[in-house]
Each structure stands twice: as C-alpha cells, then as structure tokens.
Amino acid sequence: FATKEYTFVTDDDGNKEYGIFYGGSGLLLGTQLAAATIMILWDIVMSLLLFMGLHYSGMFRVGIDMELVGLDKSKHGGDAYPDNPEPPHRYKVSPEPENSASSSPSKKKKNQPAS
C-alpha cells in the first residue's frame, strides 16, 4: 500500500509522497493511471499494426476450402476427434426438400397396397 511508511517517492520539498487514499496529493495515483493509459494505447497500436499487416498480406484467415474441410485435416492430415469422424459443420448445406408431386417408386406410403 502507498502509506507514508512504505513509499520512497519525495516531492520537490523533500516530503514523502504517498497515496491519495492515505491523505496524499494524488501524484502517485495520477502517475499510475497515466502509465496504464500509455500501456493500453501502446498495445492497441501494436495490435492494429500486426493484425492489419496480416490482413493485407492475406495471412489473417485460412481459405474457405480449408475451413470447410477442417484445419485438422487440411493442415495436420487427420481428425482431431477420431471417435466422431464427420461432425456437423456450420457451412454444410442441407439437402433441398423433396418435391411431393414427384415421389420415387421405392418409397411407399403407409397403408398403400403393393402393386
């Protein structure tokens, strides 16, 4: 804690500067808030530079074909979960509904006599 006993920072007059919650002037808290703000801004700028560079160089995402197959198969050559070989995929297209007017002869309706 920033009590008088534990601080080593002095002001211009040689008096110990301690935390605002212990009766100090707030210099330590202001300094810490300024340092935290500078570090957050540094992280934002560096992340933007990194991710924008990856985006414009085309390395930020994998291609849709690799994503459809799955990165385990396309990058590593195998399934991550071999017990479940074909998990449902969010891009998988569901089959179109069958047209009721054209029914196949192999499908018979219930209670219909065989011909």
Foldseek 3Di string as FASTA:
>chain_A
DFDLVPFDDADPVRHTAGDVVNPGDCPVVVVVVVVVVVVVVVVVVVVCVVQVVCVVVVNNDDDPVCVVVDVCCVPVNDDPDVVCRDDDDPPDDDDDDDDPVDDDPVDDDPPDDDD
